[in-house]
Structure formats: C-alpha cells, structure tokens
Amino acid sequence: MAKIRRGEKHKQIAEIILKAADEGRFLTVTEIHAGLPYGCAYGSLRKIIKLFEERDWITKERAGMSVLIKPNMLLYQWFR
C-alpha cells in the first residue's frame, strides 16, 4: 500500500466535507469545488475524491442525478 500523505489540498478538501457533515449536509463534487479556497480543475478534485474513497475515508451515495460525498469515521480521525 502506498504511503498515505496529508497534503494541504487534501486537508482543505477534507475540512469542507467535514464542516458540511457537522451541519447535517452532504456535498456533491460541484459543491466541494465551489468551496475550495484555490483554483482547481475538476479532474484534480475527482482524483483526490477517488483517493479518499480508496482509503475508506468517504462513501459515495447516489441521490437522484447527483452523487453525495459522505465522510466515514476514518476521515475524522485523519483530519481532525
């Protein structure tokens, strides 16, 4: 298994996901992208989201035409 890194961008994305979850909301990739404090291509964000999913830090859940990103306990443990 590759070394798990927690870069600044990973931390910022995790904080957006966790803040929304603390408020009782789950976000789509578009909503996460809109909350980023830096410019980022959707492909880059999707790659990080995929990494989070591979690490079991998040779960994706279909909600109609959208996919919601839900944090798992591991995301809280790694980023809080």
N, C-alpha and C. Protein backbone atom coordinates (compact mmCIF):
# COMPACT_ATOMS: atom_id res chain seq x y z
N MET A 1 0.84 -1.18 0.00
CA MET A 1 0.00 0.00 0.00
C MET A 1 0.89 1.24 0.00
N ALA A 2 0.52 2.21 -0.78
CA ALA A 2 1.30 3.44 -0.89
C ALA A 2 1.21 4.24 0.42
N LYS A 3 2.23 5.04 0.65
CA LYS A 3 2.27 5.88 1.83
C LYS A 3 1.11 6.88 1.78
N ILE A 4 0.43 7.04 2.89
CA ILE A 4 -0.69 7.96 2.95
C ILE A 4 -0.16 9.35 3.29
N ARG A 5 -0.43 10.30 2.40
CA ARG A 5 0.01 11.67 2.60
C ARG A 5 -1.20 12.54 2.90
N ARG A 6 -0.96 13.53 3.72
CA ARG A 6 -1.99 14.50 4.04
C ARG A 6 -1.47 15.87 3.68
N GLY A 7 -1.55 16.19 2.41
CA GLY A 7 -1.10 17.49 1.94
C GLY A 7 -2.10 18.58 2.29
N GLU A 8 -1.69 19.81 2.04
CA GLU A 8 -2.55 20.95 2.35
C GLU A 8 -3.87 20.90 1.57
N LYS A 9 -3.81 20.51 0.30
CA LYS A 9 -5.04 20.44 -0.50
C LYS A 9 -5.95 19.33 0.00
N HIS A 10 -5.37 18.20 0.41
CA HIS A 10 -6.17 17.12 0.97
C HIS A 10 -6.88 17.61 2.23
N LYS A 11 -6.15 18.34 3.06
CA LYS A 11 -6.71 18.85 4.30
C LYS A 11 -7.84 19.83 4.03
N GLN A 12 -7.67 20.72 3.06
CA GLN A 12 -8.71 21.70 2.74
C GLN A 12 -9.98 21.02 2.23
N ILE A 13 -9.83 20.02 1.39
CA ILE A 13 -10.99 19.28 0.87
C ILE A 13 -11.68 18.53 2.00
N ALA A 14 -10.89 17.88 2.86
CA ALA A 14 -11.47 17.15 3.99
C ALA A 14 -12.24 18.10 4.90
N GLU A 15 -11.69 19.28 5.16
CA GLU A 15 -12.36 20.24 6.04
C GLU A 15 -13.70 20.70 5.45
N ILE A 16 -13.76 20.88 4.15
CA ILE A 16 -15.03 21.26 3.51
C ILE A 16 -16.06 20.16 3.70
N ILE A 17 -15.65 18.92 3.47
CA ILE A 17 -16.56 17.77 3.62
C ILE A 17 -17.01 17.63 5.07
N LEU A 18 -16.07 17.73 6.01
CA LEU A 18 -16.40 17.54 7.42
C LEU A 18 -17.24 18.67 7.98
N LYS A 19 -16.97 19.90 7.57
CA LYS A 19 -17.77 21.04 8.04
C LYS A 19 -19.23 20.88 7.62
N ALA A 20 -19.44 20.51 6.36
CA ALA A 20 -20.81 20.31 5.88
C ALA A 20 -21.49 19.18 6.63
N ALA A 21 -20.76 18.08 6.87
CA ALA A 21 -21.33 16.94 7.59
C ALA A 21 -21.70 17.34 9.02
N ASP A 22 -20.87 18.17 9.65
CA ASP A 22 -21.18 18.65 11.00
C ASP A 22 -22.47 19.46 11.02
N GLU A 23 -22.78 20.10 9.89
CA GLU A 23 -24.01 20.89 9.76
C GLU A 23 -25.19 20.03 9.29
N GLY A 24 -24.94 18.73 9.09
CA GLY A 24 -26.01 17.82 8.67
C GLY A 24 -26.22 17.77 7.17
N ARG A 25 -25.22 18.23 6.40
CA ARG A 25 -25.34 18.24 4.94
C ARG A 25 -24.24 17.36 4.34
N PHE A 26 -24.54 16.79 3.19
CA PHE A 26 -23.54 16.07 2.41
C PHE A 26 -23.44 16.78 1.06
N LEU A 27 -22.24 16.89 0.55
CA LEU A 27 -21.99 17.71 -0.63
C LEU A 27 -21.75 16.87 -1.88
N THR A 28 -21.98 17.50 -3.02
CA THR A 28 -21.60 16.92 -4.30
C THR A 28 -20.20 17.41 -4.63
N VAL A 29 -19.58 16.83 -5.64
CA VAL A 29 -18.25 17.27 -6.06
C VAL A 29 -18.30 18.74 -6.50
N THR A 30 -19.37 19.14 -7.16
CA THR A 30 -19.52 20.53 -7.60
C THR A 30 -19.55 21.48 -6.41
N GLU A 31 -20.25 21.11 -5.35
CA GLU A 31 -20.32 21.95 -4.16
C GLU A 31 -18.97 22.02 -3.45
N ILE A 32 -18.26 20.90 -3.41
CA ILE A 32 -16.92 20.89 -2.82
C ILE A 32 -16.01 21.80 -3.63
N HIS A 33 -16.08 21.69 -4.96
CA HIS A 33 -15.26 22.51 -5.84
C HIS A 33 -15.52 24.00 -5.61
N ALA A 34 -16.78 24.36 -5.44
CA ALA A 34 -17.14 25.76 -5.22
C ALA A 34 -16.60 26.28 -3.89
N GLY A 35 -16.39 25.40 -2.92
CA GLY A 35 -15.91 25.82 -1.61
C GLY A 35 -14.40 25.87 -1.47
N LEU A 36 -13.69 25.47 -2.50
CA LEU A 36 -12.23 25.46 -2.42
C LEU A 36 -11.67 26.88 -2.41
N PRO A 37 -10.66 27.13 -1.56
CA PRO A 37 -10.08 28.47 -1.50
C PRO A 37 -9.03 28.72 -2.58
N TYR A 38 -8.83 27.75 -3.47
CA TYR A 38 -7.85 27.88 -4.54
C TYR A 38 -8.45 27.36 -5.84
N GLY A 39 -7.90 27.76 -6.97
CA GLY A 39 -8.36 27.29 -8.26
C GLY A 39 -7.94 25.84 -8.47
N CYS A 40 -8.86 25.04 -8.94
CA CYS A 40 -8.60 23.61 -9.09
C CYS A 40 -9.44 23.07 -10.25
N ALA A 41 -8.84 22.23 -11.07
CA ALA A 41 -9.59 21.58 -12.15
C ALA A 41 -10.46 20.48 -11.53
N TYR A 42 -11.62 20.24 -12.13
CA TYR A 42 -12.50 19.18 -11.64
C TYR A 42 -11.79 17.83 -11.63
N GLY A 43 -10.96 17.58 -12.64
CA GLY A 43 -10.24 16.31 -12.72
C GLY A 43 -9.33 16.10 -11.52
N SER A 44 -8.66 17.15 -11.09
CA SER A 44 -7.79 17.06 -9.92
C SER A 44 -8.60 16.77 -8.66
N LEU A 45 -9.71 17.46 -8.51
CA LEU A 45 -10.57 17.23 -7.36
C LEU A 45 -11.11 15.81 -7.37
N ARG A 46 -11.56 15.35 -8.51
CA ARG A 46 -12.09 13.98 -8.62
C ARG A 46 -11.03 12.94 -8.27
N LYS A 47 -9.78 13.22 -8.63
CA LYS A 47 -8.69 12.29 -8.30
C LYS A 47 -8.50 12.21 -6.78
N ILE A 48 -8.56 13.34 -6.10
CA ILE A 48 -8.43 13.34 -4.65
C ILE A 48 -9.63 12.65 -4.01
N ILE A 49 -10.83 12.91 -4.54
CA ILE A 49 -12.04 12.24 -4.02
C ILE A 49 -11.91 10.73 -4.20
N LYS A 50 -11.39 10.29 -5.34
CA LYS A 50 -11.18 8.86 -5.58
C LYS A 50 -10.18 8.29 -4.57
N LEU A 51 -9.11 9.02 -4.28
CA LEU A 51 -8.14 8.60 -3.28
C LEU A 51 -8.82 8.46 -1.92
N PHE A 52 -9.63 9.44 -1.54
CA PHE A 52 -10.36 9.38 -0.27
C PHE A 52 -11.24 8.13 -0.23
N GLU A 53 -11.89 7.82 -1.35
CA GLU A 53 -12.77 6.65 -1.41
C GLU A 53 -11.96 5.36 -1.29
N GLU A 54 -10.81 5.29 -1.95
CA GLU A 54 -9.95 4.11 -1.87
C GLU A 54 -9.44 3.88 -0.45
N ARG A 55 -9.24 4.94 0.29
CA ARG A 55 -8.75 4.85 1.68
C ARG A 55 -9.89 4.61 2.68
N ASP A 56 -11.12 4.52 2.17
CA ASP A 56 -12.32 4.36 3.01
C ASP A 56 -12.54 5.56 3.93
N TRP A 57 -12.11 6.73 3.49
CA TRP A 57 -12.34 7.95 4.25
C TRP A 57 -13.71 8.52 3.94
N ILE A 58 -14.26 8.21 2.76
CA ILE A 58 -15.58 8.70 2.36
C ILE A 58 -16.36 7.56 1.71
N THR A 59 -17.66 7.80 1.59
CA THR A 59 -18.56 6.92 0.87
C THR A 59 -19.34 7.78 -0.11
N LYS A 60 -19.52 7.28 -1.32
CA LYS A 60 -20.35 7.99 -2.29
C LYS A 60 -21.74 7.36 -2.27
N GLU A 61 -22.76 8.22 -2.31
CA GLU A 61 -24.14 7.75 -2.30
C GLU A 61 -24.93 8.48 -3.37
N ARG A 62 -25.61 7.73 -4.21
CA ARG A 62 -26.41 8.33 -5.27
C ARG A 62 -27.65 8.96 -4.67
N ALA A 63 -27.94 10.19 -5.11
CA ALA A 63 -29.13 10.92 -4.69
C ALA A 63 -29.75 11.53 -5.94
N GLY A 64 -30.61 10.77 -6.60
CA GLY A 64 -31.19 11.22 -7.85
C GLY A 64 -30.13 11.27 -8.93
N MET A 65 -29.95 12.44 -9.53
CA MET A 65 -28.94 12.60 -10.58
C MET A 65 -27.57 12.96 -10.00
N SER A 66 -27.48 13.17 -8.71
CA SER A 66 -26.24 13.59 -8.07
C SER A 66 -25.62 12.45 -7.26
N VAL A 67 -24.37 12.64 -6.90
CA VAL A 67 -23.67 11.73 -6.01
C VAL A 67 -23.19 12.54 -4.82
N LEU A 68 -23.61 12.12 -3.62
CA LEU A 68 -23.22 12.82 -2.40
C LEU A 68 -21.97 12.18 -1.81
N ILE A 69 -21.11 13.00 -1.28
CA ILE A 69 -19.88 12.56 -0.64
C ILE A 69 -20.13 12.56 0.86
N LYS A 70 -20.06 11.38 1.49
CA LYS A 70 -20.29 11.25 2.92
C LYS A 70 -19.01 10.83 3.62
N PRO A 71 -18.62 11.55 4.67
CA PRO A 71 -17.38 11.19 5.37
C PRO A 71 -17.58 9.95 6.24
N ASN A 72 -16.56 9.13 6.32
CA ASN A 72 -16.54 8.00 7.23
C ASN A 72 -15.72 8.40 8.46
N MET A 73 -15.75 7.60 9.49
CA MET A 73 -15.03 7.91 10.73
C MET A 73 -13.53 8.09 10.48
N LEU A 74 -12.97 7.35 9.52
CA LEU A 74 -11.54 7.47 9.24
C LEU A 74 -11.16 8.87 8.78
N LEU A 75 -12.05 9.55 8.05
CA LEU A 75 -11.75 10.92 7.62
C LEU A 75 -11.63 11.84 8.83
N TYR A 76 -12.53 11.67 9.80
CA TYR A 76 -12.44 12.45 11.03
C TYR A 76 -11.14 12.16 11.76
N GLN A 77 -10.76 10.89 11.84
CA GLN A 77 -9.56 10.52 12.57
C GLN A 77 -8.29 11.07 11.90
N TRP A 78 -8.25 11.10 10.58
CA TRP A 78 -7.06 11.56 9.87
C TRP A 78 -6.94 13.07 9.82
N PHE A 79 -8.07 13.77 9.79
CA PHE A 79 -8.01 15.20 9.53
C PHE A 79 -8.53 16.08 10.67
N ARG A 80 -8.83 15.50 11.80
CA ARG A 80 -9.27 16.34 12.94
C ARG A 80 -8.43 16.06 14.14
